[in-house]
Amino acid sequence: MKKYKLLKDQAIILKGRTLYRILAIKEIVDEKGQSIVKSGSLGGYVQSEKNLSQTGLSWISDNGKVYDYAVVQDDAQVSGESEVYDNAVIFGHASVSGKTVVHNNAKVYGNSKISDAEIYGYSRVYDKAEVYDNAAIFDHACVYGHAKVCRNAWVCDNAMIYDHAIVTDAKVYDNALVYGHAKVYGSAHIYDDAQVYGHAEVRENSQVYECAQVCGNAKIFGFEPVNGHSIKN
């Protein structure tokens, strides 16, 4: 049995597409018997039933919009003013909220949480990662594990942020890696094939690049550049 239907009389036009508000036609209940969506509840908007799976706990609420070839499935949730479009996929137990935009071929899955951010290109956010507060993940970048990317941070190209790393108000790009319990913030730039890991901190406009490694308990700050094949620990 289908879990929702399209309300043809509650259609909107968005970027030349016609989107329809969804209505739950049965209660959506999780494995513990807790109600996720009551029967008769209004949801967000889709272009067609291909955008939201009719099985699982997945749902679009508030003014969330999913269109083009984008898909929300499994137990994923899209809410707020979020938009998911192009070929993007939200699945697993992922949550997309606020004014988030997920598009191109991006994938958000696992138990990841995205709020007020932009995820696009071929990027991936998964596991228990969190991306929020105007952060952007794009190109082929990946954020996973328990990593957090927030406050206007950019992660792009082939960069990876994982483990318990935190990137705040900084840019990580090219083939750079930030992992372990590392923290990168304060307009710092990590790029080329640089790595920041362990309990290291890079902040205050510092730059780490050209295969350099900042690790252990190292703290780089105050416009300090770290380059070449040097190791700071």
C-alpha atoms as a PDB file:
ATOM      1  CA  MET A   1       0.000   0.000   0.000  1.00  0.00           C
ATOM      2  CA  LYS A   2       1.246   3.474  -0.851  1.00  0.00           C
ATOM      3  CA  LYS A   3       2.100   5.766   2.035  1.00  0.00           C
ATOM      4  CA  TYR A   4       1.305   9.056   0.307  1.00  0.00           C
ATOM      5  CA  LYS A   5      -0.435  10.606  -2.648  1.00  0.00           C
ATOM      6  CA  LEU A   6       0.065  13.761  -4.691  1.00  0.00           C
ATOM      7  CA  LEU A   7      -2.374  16.611  -4.211  1.00  0.00           C
ATOM      8  CA  LYS A   8      -2.987  17.894  -7.721  1.00  0.00           C
ATOM      9  CA  ASP A   9      -4.908  20.874  -6.371  1.00  0.00           C
ATOM     10  CA  GLN A  10      -1.915  22.026  -4.295  1.00  0.00           C
ATOM     11  CA  ALA A  11       0.641  22.396  -7.036  1.00  0.00           C
ATOM     12  CA  ILE A  12       3.373  25.020  -7.279  1.00  0.00           C
ATOM     13  CA  ILE A  13       5.655  26.057 -10.111  1.00  0.00           C
ATOM     14  CA  LEU A  14       9.377  26.032  -9.332  1.00  0.00           C
ATOM     15  CA  LYS A  15      12.014  26.751 -11.974  1.00  0.00           C
ATOM     16  CA  GLY A  16       9.558  25.740 -14.660  1.00  0.00           C
ATOM     17  CA  ARG A  17       8.654  22.446 -12.966  1.00  0.00           C
ATOM     18  CA  THR A  18       5.278  21.593 -11.486  1.00  0.00           C
ATOM     19  CA  LEU A  19       5.579  20.246  -7.951  1.00  0.00           C
ATOM     20  CA  TYR A  20       2.770  18.696  -5.921  1.00  0.00           C
ATOM     21  CA  ARG A  21       2.279  18.697  -2.176  1.00  0.00           C
ATOM     22  CA  ILE A  22       2.178  15.213  -0.678  1.00  0.00           C
ATOM     23  CA  LEU A  23      -0.414  13.829   1.723  1.00  0.00           C
ATOM     24  CA  ALA A  24       0.170  10.804   3.959  1.00  0.00           C
ATOM     25  CA  ILE A  25      -2.545   8.240   3.326  1.00  0.00           C
ATOM     26  CA  LYS A  26      -1.374   5.884   6.048  1.00  0.00           C
ATOM     27  CA  GLU A  27       0.512   6.241   9.304  1.00  0.00           C
ATOM     28  CA  ILE A  28       4.259   5.781   8.974  1.00  0.00           C
ATOM     29  CA  VAL A  29       5.536   3.856  11.988  1.00  0.00           C
ATOM     30  CA  ASP A  30       9.115   2.899  12.857  1.00  0.00           C
ATOM     31  CA  GLU A  31      10.354  -0.489  14.077  1.00  0.00           C
ATOM     32  CA  LYS A  32       9.658   0.524  17.701  1.00  0.00           C
ATOM     33  CA  GLY A  33       6.059   1.317  16.897  1.00  0.00           C
ATOM     34  CA  GLN A  34       6.567   5.060  17.157  1.00  0.00           C
ATOM     35  CA  SER A  35       4.627   7.208  14.729  1.00  0.00           C
ATOM     36  CA  ILE A  36       6.806   9.162  12.309  1.00  0.00           C
ATOM     37  CA  VAL A  37       3.996  10.626  10.204  1.00  0.00           C
ATOM     38  CA  LYS A  38       0.287  10.528  10.987  1.00  0.00           C
ATOM     39  CA  SER A  39      -2.189   9.551   8.310  1.00  0.00           C
ATOM     40  CA  GLY A  40      -3.655  12.719   6.811  1.00  0.00           C
ATOM     41  CA  SER A  41      -0.521  14.785   7.438  1.00  0.00           C
ATOM     42  CA  LEU A  42       0.572  17.180   4.743  1.00  0.00           C
ATOM     43  CA  GLY A  43       4.166  16.913   3.599  1.00  0.00           C
ATOM     44  CA  GLY A  44       6.453  18.846   1.303  1.00  0.00           C
ATOM     45  CA  TYR A  45       6.553  18.851  -2.491  1.00  0.00           C
ATOM     46  CA  VAL A  46       7.677  16.445  -5.210  1.00  0.00           C
ATOM     47  CA  GLN A  47       7.591  16.550  -8.968  1.00  0.00           C
ATOM     48  CA  SER A  48       6.463  12.928  -9.168  1.00  0.00           C
ATOM     49  CA  GLU A  49       6.259   9.750  -7.103  1.00  0.00           C
ATOM     50  CA  LYS A  50       9.743   8.886  -8.370  1.00  0.00           C
ATOM     51  CA  ASN A  51      11.158  11.534  -6.025  1.00  0.00           C
ATOM     52  CA  LEU A  52      10.013   9.909  -2.760  1.00  0.00           C
ATOM     53  CA  SER A  53       9.920   6.182  -2.096  1.00  0.00           C
ATOM     54  CA  GLN A  54       6.534   4.710  -1.225  1.00  0.00           C
ATOM     55  CA  THR A  55       8.249   2.312   1.191  1.00  0.00           C
ATOM     56  CA  GLY A  56      10.329   2.805   4.321  1.00  0.00           C
ATOM     57  CA  LEU A  57      10.164   5.752   6.715  1.00  0.00           C
ATOM     58  CA  SER A  58      11.403   8.358   4.258  1.00  0.00           C
ATOM     59  CA  TRP A  59       9.431  11.590   4.236  1.00  0.00           C
ATOM     60  CA  ILE A  60       9.494  15.180   3.024  1.00  0.00           C
ATOM     61  CA  SER A  61       7.975  17.662   5.452  1.00  0.00           C
ATOM     62  CA  ASP A  62       7.405  21.393   5.883  1.00  0.00           C
ATOM     63  CA  ASN A  63       8.229  23.101   2.561  1.00  0.00           C
ATOM     64  CA  GLY A  64      10.914  20.652   1.519  1.00  0.00           C
ATOM     65  CA  LYS A  65      11.080  20.158  -2.263  1.00  0.00           C
ATOM     66  CA  VAL A  66      12.459  17.221  -4.243  1.00  0.00           C
ATOM     67  CA  TYR A  67      12.386  17.251  -8.022  1.00  0.00           C
ATOM     68  CA  ASP A  68      14.057  16.351 -11.325  1.00  0.00           C
ATOM     69  CA  TYR A  69      15.585  12.870 -10.916  1.00  0.00           C
ATOM     70  CA  ALA A  70      16.435  13.302  -7.246  1.00  0.00           C
ATOM     71  CA  VAL A  71      15.343  10.576  -4.827  1.00  0.00           C
ATOM     72  CA  VAL A  72      14.617  10.380  -1.105  1.00  0.00           C
ATOM     73  CA  GLN A  73      14.378   6.803   0.091  1.00  0.00           C
ATOM     74  CA  ASP A  74      14.880   4.301   2.936  1.00  0.00           C
ATOM     75  CA  ASP A  75      14.412   6.193   6.218  1.00  0.00           C
ATOM     76  CA  ALA A  76      15.794   9.556   5.083  1.00  0.00           C
ATOM     77  CA  GLN A  77      14.109  12.824   6.027  1.00  0.00           C
ATOM     78  CA  VAL A  78      13.970  16.151   4.168  1.00  0.00           C
ATOM     79  CA  SER A  79      12.457  19.158   5.933  1.00  0.00           C
ATOM     80  CA  GLY A  80      12.426  22.922   6.333  1.00  0.00           C
ATOM     81  CA  GLU A  81      12.985  24.859   3.117  1.00  0.00           C
ATOM     82  CA  SER A  82      15.427  22.290   1.732  1.00  0.00           C
ATOM     83  CA  GLU A  83      15.666  21.536  -1.974  1.00  0.00           C
ATOM     84  CA  VAL A  84      16.962  18.305  -3.470  1.00  0.00           C
ATOM     85  CA  TYR A  85      17.188  18.112  -7.236  1.00  0.00           C
ATOM     86  CA  ASP A  86      19.124  17.067 -10.355  1.00  0.00           C
ATOM     87  CA  ASN A  87      20.327  13.486  -9.676  1.00  0.00           C
ATOM     88  CA  ALA A  88      20.935  13.827  -5.938  1.00  0.00           C
ATOM     89  CA  VAL A  89      20.044  10.929  -3.622  1.00  0.00           C
ATOM     90  CA  ILE A  90      19.218  11.085   0.092  1.00  0.00           C
ATOM     91  CA  PHE A  91      19.009   7.654   1.690  1.00  0.00           C
ATOM     92  CA  GLY A  92      19.703   5.516   4.740  1.00  0.00           C
ATOM     93  CA  HIS A  93      18.808   7.452   7.897  1.00  0.00           C
ATOM     94  CA  ALA A  94      20.107  10.787   6.630  1.00  0.00           C
ATOM     95  CA  SER A  95      18.490  14.066   7.637  1.00  0.00           C
ATOM     96  CA  VAL A  96      18.407  17.192   5.447  1.00  0.00           C
ATOM     97  CA  SER A  97      16.912  20.282   7.064  1.00  0.00           C
ATOM     98  CA  GLY A  98      16.862  24.066   7.233  1.00  0.00           C
ATOM     99  CA  LYS A  99      17.634  25.768   3.927  1.00  0.00           C
ATOM    100  CA  THR A 100      19.913  23.027   2.647  1.00  0.00           C
ATOM    101  CA  VAL A 101      20.397  22.515  -1.083  1.00  0.00           C
ATOM    102  CA  VAL A 102      21.552  19.131  -2.399  1.00  0.00           C
ATOM    103  CA  HIS A 103      21.965  18.840  -6.151  1.00  0.00           C
ATOM    104  CA  ASN A 104      23.986  17.595  -9.130  1.00  0.00           C
ATOM    105  CA  ASN A 105      25.044  13.991  -8.373  1.00  0.00           C
ATOM    106  CA  ALA A 106      25.613  14.411  -4.633  1.00  0.00           C
ATOM    107  CA  LYS A 107      24.725  11.660  -2.172  1.00  0.00           C
ATOM    108  CA  VAL A 108      23.815  12.049   1.496  1.00  0.00           C
ATOM    109  CA  TYR A 109      23.340   8.839   3.447  1.00  0.00           C
ATOM    110  CA  GLY A 110      24.067   6.808   6.563  1.00  0.00           C
ATOM    111  CA  ASN A 111      23.124   8.733   9.703  1.00  0.00           C
ATOM    112  CA  SER A 112      24.485  12.025   8.437  1.00  0.00           C
ATOM    113  CA  LYS A 113      22.824  15.349   9.230  1.00  0.00           C
ATOM    114  CA  ILE A 114      22.815  18.345   6.912  1.00  0.00           C
ATOM    115  CA  SER A 115      21.349  21.713   7.888  1.00  0.00           C
ATOM    116  CA  ASP A 116      21.569  25.079   6.124  1.00  0.00           C
ATOM    117  CA  ALA A 117      24.348  23.862   3.821  1.00  0.00           C
ATOM    118  CA  GLU A 118      24.965  23.097   0.152  1.00  0.00           C
ATOM    119  CA  ILE A 119      26.055  19.665  -1.075  1.00  0.00           C
ATOM    120  CA  TYR A 120      26.697  19.267  -4.790  1.00  0.00           C
ATOM    121  CA  GLY A 121      28.889  17.959  -7.571  1.00  0.00           C
ATOM    122  CA  TYR A 122      29.753  14.289  -6.955  1.00  0.00           C
ATOM    123  CA  SER A 123      30.343  14.844  -3.250  1.00  0.00           C
ATOM    124  CA  ARG A 124      29.392  12.380  -0.524  1.00  0.00           C
ATOM    125  CA  VAL A 125      28.367  12.924   3.089  1.00  0.00           C
ATOM    126  CA  TYR A 126      27.749   9.788   5.119  1.00  0.00           C
ATOM    127  CA  ASP A 127      28.188   7.781   8.344  1.00  0.00           C
ATOM    128  CA  LYS A 128      27.444  10.179  11.231  1.00  0.00           C
ATOM    129  CA  ALA A 129      28.967  13.261   9.647  1.00  0.00           C
ATOM    130  CA  GLU A 130      27.373  16.676  10.140  1.00  0.00           C
ATOM    131  CA  VAL A 131      27.457  19.617   7.736  1.00  0.00           C
ATOM    132  CA  TYR A 132      25.733  22.839   8.727  1.00  0.00           C
ATOM    133  CA  ASP A 133      25.738  26.627   9.056  1.00  0.00           C
ATOM    134  CA  ASN A 134      26.403  27.676   5.443  1.00  0.00           C
ATOM    135  CA  ALA A 135      29.114  25.095   4.776  1.00  0.00           C
ATOM    136  CA  ALA A 136      29.565  23.771   1.228  1.00  0.00           C
ATOM    137  CA  ILE A 137      30.749  20.317   0.123  1.00  0.00           C
ATOM    138  CA  PHE A 138      31.301  19.928  -3.601  1.00  0.00           C
ATOM    139  CA  ASP A 139      33.253  18.433  -6.512  1.00  0.00           C
ATOM    140  CA  HIS A 140      34.316  14.915  -5.390  1.00  0.00           C
ATOM    141  CA  ALA A 141      34.834  15.775  -1.730  1.00  0.00           C
ATOM    142  CA  CYS A 142      33.815  13.337   1.016  1.00  0.00           C
ATOM    143  CA  VAL A 143      32.841  13.969   4.633  1.00  0.00           C
ATOM    144  CA  TYR A 144      32.256  10.909   6.784  1.00  0.00           C
ATOM    145  CA  GLY A 145      32.806   9.204  10.120  1.00  0.00           C
ATOM    146  CA  HIS A 146      31.892  11.609  12.921  1.00  0.00           C
ATOM    147  CA  ALA A 147      33.354  14.626  11.140  1.00  0.00           C
ATOM    148  CA  LYS A 148      31.782  18.080  11.316  1.00  0.00           C
ATOM    149  CA  VAL A 149      32.013  20.826   8.704  1.00  0.00           C
ATOM    150  CA  CYS A 150      30.358  24.124   9.531  1.00  0.00           C
ATOM    151  CA  ARG A 151      30.263  27.942   9.544  1.00  0.00           C
ATOM    152  CA  ASN A 152      30.987  28.869   5.950  1.00  0.00           C
ATOM    153  CA  ALA A 153      33.638  26.158   5.488  1.00  0.00           C
ATOM    154  CA  TRP A 154      34.357  24.787   2.004  1.00  0.00           C
ATOM    155  CA  VAL A 155      35.463  21.245   1.273  1.00  0.00           C
ATOM    156  CA  CYS A 156      35.977  20.562  -2.403  1.00  0.00           C
ATOM    157  CA  ASP A 157      37.992  18.910  -5.193  1.00  0.00           C
ATOM    158  CA  ASN A 158      39.029  15.469  -3.834  1.00  0.00           C
ATOM    159  CA  ALA A 159      39.464  16.506  -0.207  1.00  0.00           C
ATOM    160  CA  MET A 160      38.329  14.205   2.605  1.00  0.00           C
ATOM    161  CA  ILE A 161      37.254  15.042   6.150  1.00  0.00           C
ATOM    162  CA  TYR A 162      36.694  12.053   8.417  1.00  0.00           C
ATOM    163  CA  ASP A 163      37.005  10.415  11.840  1.00  0.00           C
ATOM    164  CA  HIS A 164      36.244  13.117  14.453  1.00  0.00           C
ATOM    165  CA  ALA A 165      37.777  16.016  12.549  1.00  0.00           C
ATOM    166  CA  ILE A 166      36.178  19.472  12.646  1.00  0.00           C
ATOM    167  CA  VAL A 167      36.462  22.085   9.900  1.00  0.00           C
ATOM    168  CA  THR A 168      35.016  25.507  10.737  1.00  0.00           C
ATOM    169  CA  ASP A 169      35.204  28.666   8.638  1.00  0.00           C
ATOM    170  CA  ALA A 170      38.126  27.214   6.625  1.00  0.00           C
ATOM    171  CA  LYS A 171      38.822  25.766   3.179  1.00  0.00           C
ATOM    172  CA  VAL A 172      40.078  22.237   2.489  1.00  0.00           C
ATOM    173  CA  TYR A 173      40.654  21.350  -1.145  1.00  0.00           C
ATOM    174  CA  ASP A 174      42.749  19.640  -3.828  1.00  0.00           C
ATOM    175  CA  ASN A 175      43.670  16.213  -2.361  1.00  0.00           C
ATOM    176  CA  ALA A 176      43.979  17.338   1.249  1.00  0.00           C
ATOM    177  CA  LEU A 177      42.984  15.125   4.183  1.00  0.00           C
ATOM    178  CA  VAL A 178      41.802  16.179   7.632  1.00  0.00           C
ATOM    179  CA  TYR A 179      41.142  13.329  10.046  1.00  0.00           C
ATOM    180  CA  GLY A 180      41.617  11.950  13.537  1.00  0.00           C
ATOM    181  CA  HIS A 181      40.631  14.603  16.081  1.00  0.00           C
ATOM    182  CA  ALA A 182      42.140  17.455  14.078  1.00  0.00           C
ATOM    183  CA  LYS A 183      40.594  20.929  14.016  1.00  0.00           C
ATOM    184  CA  VAL A 184      40.892  23.402  11.152  1.00  0.00           C
ATOM    185  CA  TYR A 185      39.327  26.833  11.590  1.00  0.00           C
ATOM    186  CA  GLY A 186      39.785  30.587  11.466  1.00  0.00           C
ATOM    187  CA  SER A 187      40.047  30.997   7.658  1.00  0.00           C
ATOM    188  CA  ALA A 188      42.857  28.422   7.366  1.00  0.00           C
ATOM    189  CA  HIS A 189      43.563  26.742   4.011  1.00  0.00           C
ATOM    190  CA  ILE A 190      44.572  23.072   3.667  1.00  0.00           C
ATOM    191  CA  TYR A 191      45.347  22.033   0.102  1.00  0.00           C
ATOM    192  CA  ASP A 192      47.543  20.193  -2.412  1.00  0.00           C
ATOM    193  CA  ASP A 193      48.266  16.786  -0.784  1.00  0.00           C
ATOM    194  CA  ALA A 194      48.538  18.144   2.756  1.00  0.00           C
ATOM    195  CA  GLN A 195      47.330  16.200   5.776  1.00  0.00           C
ATOM    196  CA  VAL A 196      46.182  17.405   9.169  1.00  0.00           C
ATOM    197  CA  TYR A 197      45.513  14.677  11.723  1.00  0.00           C
ATOM    198  CA  GLY A 198      45.959  13.470  15.282  1.00  0.00           C
ATOM    199  CA  HIS A 199      44.974  16.248  17.693  1.00  0.00           C
ATOM    200  CA  ALA A 200      46.529  18.975  15.561  1.00  0.00           C
ATOM    201  CA  GLU A 201      44.989  22.426  15.133  1.00  0.00           C
ATOM    202  CA  VAL A 202      45.392  24.791  12.197  1.00  0.00           C
ATOM    203  CA  ARG A 203      43.849  28.241  12.467  1.00  0.00           C
ATOM    204  CA  GLU A 204      44.063  32.016  11.909  1.00  0.00           C
ATOM    205  CA  ASN A 205      44.686  32.168   8.161  1.00  0.00           C
ATOM    206  CA  SER A 206      47.488  29.587   8.259  1.00  0.00           C
ATOM    207  CA  GLN A 207      48.129  27.505   5.139  1.00  0.00           C
ATOM    208  CA  VAL A 208      49.227  23.875   4.916  1.00  0.00           C
ATOM    209  CA  TYR A 209      50.111  22.588   1.457  1.00  0.00           C
ATOM    210  CA  GLU A 210      52.580  20.719  -0.804  1.00  0.00           C
ATOM    211  CA  CYS A 211      52.388  17.308   0.922  1.00  0.00           C
ATOM    212  CA  ALA A 212      53.037  18.830   4.361  1.00  0.00           C
ATOM    213  CA  GLN A 213      51.722  17.046   7.435  1.00  0.00           C
ATOM    214  CA  VAL A 214      50.519  18.607  10.649  1.00  0.00           C
ATOM    215  CA  CYS A 215      49.905  15.966  13.288  1.00  0.00           C
ATOM    216  CA  GLY A 216      50.242  14.964  16.923  1.00  0.00           C
ATOM    217  CA  ASN A 217      49.471  17.949  19.154  1.00  0.00           C
ATOM    218  CA  ALA A 218      50.844  20.564  16.772  1.00  0.00           C
ATOM    219  CA  LYS A 219      49.207  23.986  16.658  1.00  0.00           C
ATOM    220  CA  ILE A 220      49.669  26.158  13.577  1.00  0.00           C
ATOM    221  CA  PHE A 221      48.358  29.727  13.715  1.00  0.00           C
ATOM    222  CA  GLY A 222      49.035  33.357  12.937  1.00  0.00           C
ATOM    223  CA  PHE A 223      49.470  33.263   9.132  1.00  0.00           C
ATOM    224  CA  GLU A 224      52.063  30.498   9.477  1.00  0.00           C
ATOM    225  CA  PRO A 225      52.663  28.559   6.214  1.00  0.00           C
ATOM    226  CA  VAL A 226      53.602  24.867   6.327  1.00  0.00           C
ATOM    227  CA  ASN A 227      54.700  23.460   2.993  1.00  0.00           C
ATOM    228  CA  GLY A 228      56.982  21.076   1.170  1.00  0.00           C
ATOM    229  CA  HIS A 229      57.309  17.617   2.716  1.00  0.00           C
ATOM    230  CA  SER A 230      57.675  18.998   6.244  1.00  0.00           C
ATOM    231  CA  ILE A 231      56.051  17.367   9.254  1.00  0.00           C
ATOM    232  CA  LYS A 232      54.861  19.402  12.238  1.00  0.00           C
ATOM    233  CA  ASN A 233      53.959  17.445  15.330  1.00  0.00           C
END
